[in-house]
Amino acid sequence: MTKPDWQNYFDQKAATHGASVKASDYYDEASFFMQRDNILRWIGDLSGARILDAGCGVGAFSEPLAAANTVHGVDFSARSLEYAAARGLETHVGDLAALPFAAGFFDLVLCIGVIQLIDDHRPVLRELARVTKPGGTVLVQTLHRVSLQRQLLAFFEKSHKFDKMYAMDELAADFAACGLGSLEFLKLYHPFRFAVTGGAGEAGDFLCTSFALKGRKERG
């Protein structure tokens, strides 16, 4: 889909499902909460931080962070952002490749389940790194290309909305090119509720259905 197609798609989903996580494109609600709980646990407790949720949708993922932190949500679906604002996010309609923030503005930047929807993720990743302060963290979650489950589902998925998937070492190289180091992976195994940390290319990675990668912006 093109950007206008995705905008209309998520506007319609928000109109249909309101603030529900069904307005996002997770496999089901259990999958959403499994991923959110594991990733937020991995991030750890935060207080007083300035956080960006890039491609926030209805704001369900970063809602738990909004109570003790300032969370900005950017998305091109204005309809979705109405619900994100109600969840306590400071919302902005915008393009993730041209964010309306100064360099080094955020302590933590999240981009959850977004880059598989983008034709070229590298300009977005560079922009996420730009708005992260030195020593701050960028965390991206996406679909795993090597996943045996994903490869099998490709034979049955007719819409092919999520044809773009990523290898762990590929995304790690893109992080490094943006000045992000101290890289860590969190591997998720839908429909199971557990997650494990580790490096790319480990035994059993073919069972990993999606993964999150976080990196720290190098200090100048």
Protein backbone atom coordinates (compact mmCIF):
# COMPACT_ATOMS: atom_id res chain seq x y z
CA MET A 1 0.00 0.00 0.00
CA THR A 2 1.04 3.62 -0.53
CA LYS A 3 1.08 6.16 2.28
CA PRO A 4 -2.41 7.53 1.43
CA ASP A 5 -3.71 3.95 1.34
CA TRP A 6 -2.29 3.23 4.78
CA GLN A 7 -3.68 6.51 6.11
CA ASN A 8 -7.17 5.66 4.87
CA TYR A 9 -6.78 2.07 6.11
CA PHE A 10 -5.95 3.11 9.69
CA ASP A 11 -8.45 5.98 9.71
CA GLN A 12 -11.12 3.42 8.85
CA LYS A 13 -9.88 0.96 11.46
CA ALA A 14 -10.05 3.67 14.12
CA ALA A 15 -13.53 4.63 12.96
CA THR A 16 -14.62 1.00 13.22
CA HIS A 17 -12.85 -0.10 16.42
CA GLY A 18 -12.37 3.17 18.29
CA ALA A 19 -9.70 3.02 20.99
CA SER A 20 -9.53 -0.78 20.92
CA VAL A 21 -6.23 -2.45 20.04
CA LYS A 22 -8.17 -3.92 17.12
CA ALA A 23 -7.56 -0.54 15.46
CA SER A 24 -3.97 -1.73 15.03
CA ASP A 25 -2.97 -4.69 12.89
CA TYR A 26 -1.82 -7.18 15.48
CA TYR A 27 -2.83 -10.78 14.93
CA ASP A 28 -5.22 -10.52 17.89
CA GLU A 29 -5.51 -8.74 21.24
CA ALA A 30 -3.54 -11.44 23.05
CA SER A 31 -0.64 -10.92 20.62
CA PHE A 32 -0.71 -7.17 21.24
CA PHE A 33 -0.63 -7.44 25.02
CA MET A 34 2.03 -10.16 24.93
CA GLN A 35 4.31 -7.93 22.89
CA ARG A 36 3.56 -4.79 24.89
CA ASP A 37 4.09 -6.46 28.26
CA ASN A 38 7.37 -8.06 27.24
CA ILE A 39 8.79 -4.93 25.62
CA LEU A 40 7.79 -2.60 28.47
CA ARG A 41 9.29 -5.03 30.98
CA TRP A 42 12.48 -5.03 28.90
CA ILE A 43 12.59 -1.21 28.90
CA GLY A 44 12.19 -1.12 32.67
CA ASP A 45 10.67 1.53 34.93
CA LEU A 46 10.83 5.09 33.65
CA SER A 47 9.88 8.35 35.32
CA GLY A 48 10.20 11.89 34.07
CA ALA A 49 11.42 10.81 30.64
CA ARG A 50 10.54 12.44 27.34
CA ILE A 51 9.33 9.66 25.03
CA LEU A 52 8.32 9.48 21.36
CA ASP A 53 5.91 6.81 20.13
CA ALA A 54 6.55 6.99 16.37
CA GLY A 55 3.54 5.58 14.52
CA CYS A 56 1.54 5.45 17.74
CA GLY A 57 -1.88 4.71 16.23
CA VAL A 58 -4.52 4.87 18.98
CA GLY A 59 -1.81 5.07 21.64
CA ALA A 60 -2.47 1.72 23.28
CA PHE A 61 1.17 0.63 23.34
CA SER A 62 2.65 3.64 25.12
CA GLU A 63 -0.36 4.40 27.34
CA PRO A 64 1.26 2.76 30.42
CA LEU A 65 4.24 5.10 30.03
CA ALA A 66 2.14 8.28 29.93
CA ALA A 67 1.36 8.39 33.65
CA ALA A 68 4.95 9.03 34.78
CA ASN A 69 6.50 10.43 31.59
CA THR A 70 5.78 12.89 28.78
CA VAL A 71 4.83 10.82 25.74
CA HIS A 72 4.53 12.36 22.29
CA GLY A 73 2.71 10.35 19.64
CA VAL A 74 3.17 10.91 15.90
CA ASP A 75 1.01 9.24 13.26
CA PHE A 76 -0.46 10.10 9.86
CA SER A 77 -3.92 8.85 10.94
CA ALA A 78 -5.64 11.85 12.53
CA ARG A 79 -8.59 9.66 13.47
CA SER A 80 -6.33 7.32 15.44
CA LEU A 81 -4.66 10.23 17.22
CA GLU A 82 -7.97 11.31 18.73
CA TYR A 83 -7.88 8.15 20.83
CA ALA A 84 -4.16 8.48 21.56
CA ALA A 85 -4.76 11.95 22.98
CA ALA A 86 -7.48 10.55 25.24
CA ARG A 87 -4.87 8.09 26.54
CA GLY A 88 -2.62 10.93 27.66
CA LEU A 89 -0.28 11.27 24.68
CA GLU A 90 0.66 14.64 23.21
CA THR A 91 -0.28 14.00 19.60
CA HIS A 92 1.06 15.24 16.26
CA VAL A 93 -0.11 14.41 12.74
CA GLY A 94 3.05 13.94 10.76
CA ASP A 95 5.55 12.02 8.68
CA LEU A 96 8.04 9.85 10.56
CA ALA A 97 10.72 10.79 8.03
CA ALA A 98 10.31 14.51 8.88
CA LEU A 99 9.52 14.79 12.60
CA PRO A 100 8.57 18.17 14.09
CA PHE A 101 11.13 18.01 16.92
CA ALA A 102 14.59 19.39 17.55
CA ALA A 103 17.62 17.13 17.46
CA GLY A 104 18.26 15.31 20.73
CA PHE A 105 14.76 15.98 22.08
CA PHE A 106 13.85 12.51 23.41
CA ASP A 107 15.22 10.14 26.02
CA LEU A 108 13.47 7.16 24.43
CA VAL A 109 12.06 6.66 20.94
CA LEU A 110 9.70 3.75 20.24
CA CYS A 111 8.65 2.55 16.78
CA ILE A 112 6.45 -0.51 17.24
CA GLY A 113 5.12 -2.56 14.33
CA VAL A 114 5.63 0.25 11.84
CA ILE A 115 8.64 -0.28 9.59
CA GLN A 116 7.09 -3.31 7.89
CA LEU A 117 4.57 -0.84 6.42
CA ILE A 118 7.22 1.50 4.97
CA ASP A 119 8.83 1.11 1.56
CA ASP A 120 12.15 2.54 2.74
CA HIS A 121 12.69 2.42 6.49
CA ARG A 122 16.18 3.95 6.50
CA PRO A 123 15.13 7.64 6.31
CA VAL A 124 12.72 6.97 9.17
CA LEU A 125 15.41 5.29 11.24
CA ARG A 126 17.80 8.20 10.64
CA GLU A 127 15.11 10.62 11.77
CA LEU A 128 14.37 8.58 14.90
CA ALA A 129 18.08 8.67 15.74
CA ARG A 130 18.25 12.43 15.06
CA VAL A 131 15.57 13.29 17.62
CA THR A 132 17.11 11.00 20.27
CA LYS A 133 19.46 12.64 22.75
CA PRO A 134 23.05 11.36 23.05
CA GLY A 135 22.89 8.43 25.44
CA GLY A 136 19.18 7.98 24.73
CA THR A 137 17.56 4.84 23.32
CA VAL A 138 15.85 3.94 20.04
CA LEU A 139 13.69 0.80 20.13
CA VAL A 140 12.13 -0.70 16.98
CA GLN A 141 9.90 -3.79 16.85
CA THR A 142 9.07 -5.56 13.60
CA LEU A 143 8.42 -8.88 11.86
CA HIS A 144 11.17 -11.46 11.52
CA ARG A 145 12.02 -12.54 7.98
CA VAL A 146 13.66 -15.82 9.02
CA SER A 147 10.57 -16.95 10.96
CA LEU A 148 9.38 -20.37 9.82
CA GLN A 149 5.86 -19.45 10.89
CA ARG A 150 5.91 -16.27 8.77
CA GLN A 151 7.16 -18.17 5.76
CA LEU A 152 4.38 -20.74 6.09
CA LEU A 153 1.73 -18.04 6.56
CA ALA A 154 2.88 -16.39 3.34
CA PHE A 155 1.39 -19.31 1.43
CA PHE A 156 -2.05 -18.56 2.89
CA GLU A 157 -2.05 -14.77 3.35
CA LYS A 158 -3.89 -13.29 0.37
CA SER A 159 -3.69 -9.57 1.12
CA HIS A 160 0.13 -9.51 1.43
CA LYS A 161 -0.04 -6.37 3.57
CA PHE A 162 3.06 -7.34 5.48
CA ASP A 163 5.36 -8.70 2.79
CA LYS A 164 8.25 -6.61 4.13
CA MET A 165 10.07 -8.33 6.97
CA TYR A 166 13.55 -7.97 8.41
CA ALA A 167 16.51 -10.10 9.32
CA MET A 168 18.03 -9.24 12.68
CA ASP A 169 21.54 -8.62 11.37
CA GLU A 170 20.14 -6.40 8.60
CA LEU A 171 18.38 -4.09 11.03
CA ALA A 172 21.36 -4.12 13.37
CA ALA A 173 23.55 -2.83 10.52
CA ASP A 174 21.05 -0.04 9.84
CA PHE A 175 21.09 0.93 13.54
CA ALA A 176 24.88 1.08 13.52
CA ALA A 177 24.83 3.28 10.39
CA CYS A 178 22.67 5.75 12.32
CA GLY A 179 25.12 5.98 15.22
CA LEU A 180 23.22 3.60 17.48
CA GLY A 181 25.34 1.18 19.49
CA SER A 182 25.16 -1.22 22.47
CA LEU A 183 22.54 -3.16 20.50
CA GLU A 184 20.23 -5.65 22.22
CA PHE A 185 17.54 -7.94 20.80
CA LEU A 186 14.30 -9.14 22.36
CA LYS A 187 12.88 -12.15 20.51
CA LEU A 188 9.15 -12.91 20.54
CA TYR A 189 7.50 -16.22 19.69
CA HIS A 190 3.80 -15.86 18.89
CA PRO A 191 1.51 -17.43 20.13
CA PHE A 192 3.67 -18.08 23.19
CA ARG A 193 3.82 -15.38 25.85
CA PHE A 194 7.52 -15.52 26.69
CA ALA A 195 10.37 -13.54 25.14
CA VAL A 196 14.13 -13.98 25.29
CA THR A 197 17.10 -11.70 24.82
CA GLY A 198 20.06 -12.65 22.69
CA GLY A 199 22.05 -11.91 19.58
CA ALA A 200 21.37 -12.39 15.89
CA GLY A 201 22.06 -15.75 14.27
CA GLU A 202 21.44 -17.93 17.30
CA ALA A 203 20.09 -21.45 17.17
CA GLY A 204 16.31 -21.41 17.23
CA ASP A 205 15.94 -17.99 15.62
CA PHE A 206 13.78 -19.57 12.92
CA LEU A 207 11.08 -19.92 15.61
CA CYS A 208 11.18 -16.20 16.44
CA THR A 209 8.14 -14.54 14.81
CA SER A 210 9.00 -10.93 15.60
CA PHE A 211 11.75 -9.08 17.41
CA ALA A 212 12.59 -5.78 19.01
CA LEU A 213 15.96 -4.10 18.69
CA LYS A 214 17.16 -1.29 20.92
CA GLY A 215 20.31 0.76 20.64
CA ARG A 216 21.86 3.68 22.49
CA LYS A 217 22.75 6.83 20.58
CA GLU A 218 26.47 7.33 20.77
CA ARG A 219 27.64 10.47 22.54
CA GLY A 220 29.50 12.92 20.37
